[in-house]
Amino acid sequence: MVEDLWNQIAATPATLTVLDWQKQELARCKAEYLQNPAVGSSWEYVKARISQWHG
């Protein structure tokens, strides 16, 4: 389902609006990660967690 949603978003990127508060949050998260990469999770870990939640 997520892949289908992503494909729809990728097909029409110009219609996707990113709000200022979202940009600020992304910048904050990126800065935090750059200061301490250990705060992040690997993609493998994230996928495993999602799989646990959704079966």
Protein backbone atom coordinates (compact mmCIF):
# COMPACT_ATOMS: atom_id res chain seq x y z
CA MET A 1 0.00 0.00 0.00
CA VAL A 2 2.81 2.40 0.86
CA GLU A 3 4.55 1.61 -2.42
CA ASP A 4 1.34 2.36 -4.35
CA LEU A 5 0.97 5.66 -2.52
CA TRP A 6 4.60 6.56 -3.20
CA ASN A 7 4.18 5.74 -6.89
CA GLN A 8 1.19 8.05 -7.07
CA ILE A 9 3.13 10.85 -5.38
CA ALA A 10 6.17 10.32 -7.59
CA ALA A 11 4.00 10.45 -10.72
CA THR A 12 2.81 13.99 -9.90
CA PRO A 13 5.49 15.66 -7.74
CA ALA A 14 4.46 19.17 -8.78
CA THR A 15 1.10 18.73 -7.05
CA LEU A 16 2.70 17.77 -3.74
CA THR A 17 2.88 20.73 -1.38
CA VAL A 18 5.42 20.70 1.44
CA LEU A 19 4.44 23.16 4.13
CA ASP A 20 6.98 25.42 5.84
CA TRP A 21 6.60 23.65 9.19
CA GLN A 22 7.31 20.32 7.45
CA LYS A 23 10.46 21.73 5.84
CA GLN A 24 11.59 23.06 9.22
CA GLU A 25 11.00 19.69 10.87
CA LEU A 26 12.94 17.89 8.15
CA ALA A 27 15.82 20.36 8.54
CA ARG A 28 15.80 19.87 12.32
CA CYS A 29 15.86 16.08 11.98
CA LYS A 30 18.65 16.24 9.42
CA ALA A 31 20.74 18.53 11.62
CA GLU A 32 20.20 16.23 14.60
CA TYR A 33 21.23 13.23 12.54
CA LEU A 34 24.34 14.95 11.19
CA GLN A 35 25.41 15.83 14.74
CA ASN A 36 24.77 12.30 16.01
CA PRO A 37 24.16 9.60 13.38
CA ALA A 38 23.45 7.10 16.15
CA VAL A 39 20.04 8.76 16.73
CA GLY A 40 18.79 7.34 13.44
CA SER A 41 17.60 3.84 12.60
CA SER A 42 18.74 1.71 9.70
CA TRP A 43 16.29 1.08 6.88
CA GLU A 44 16.40 -2.64 7.70
CA TYR A 45 15.32 -1.92 11.29
CA VAL A 46 12.53 0.41 10.16
CA LYS A 47 11.20 -2.16 7.67
CA ALA A 48 11.26 -4.86 10.35
CA ARG A 49 9.30 -2.63 12.75
CA ILE A 50 6.72 -1.82 10.09
CA SER A 51 6.39 -5.51 9.26
CA GLN A 52 5.74 -6.29 12.93
CA TRP A 53 2.95 -3.70 13.06
CA HIS A 54 1.30 -4.71 9.81
CA GLY A 55 1.92 -8.34 9.69
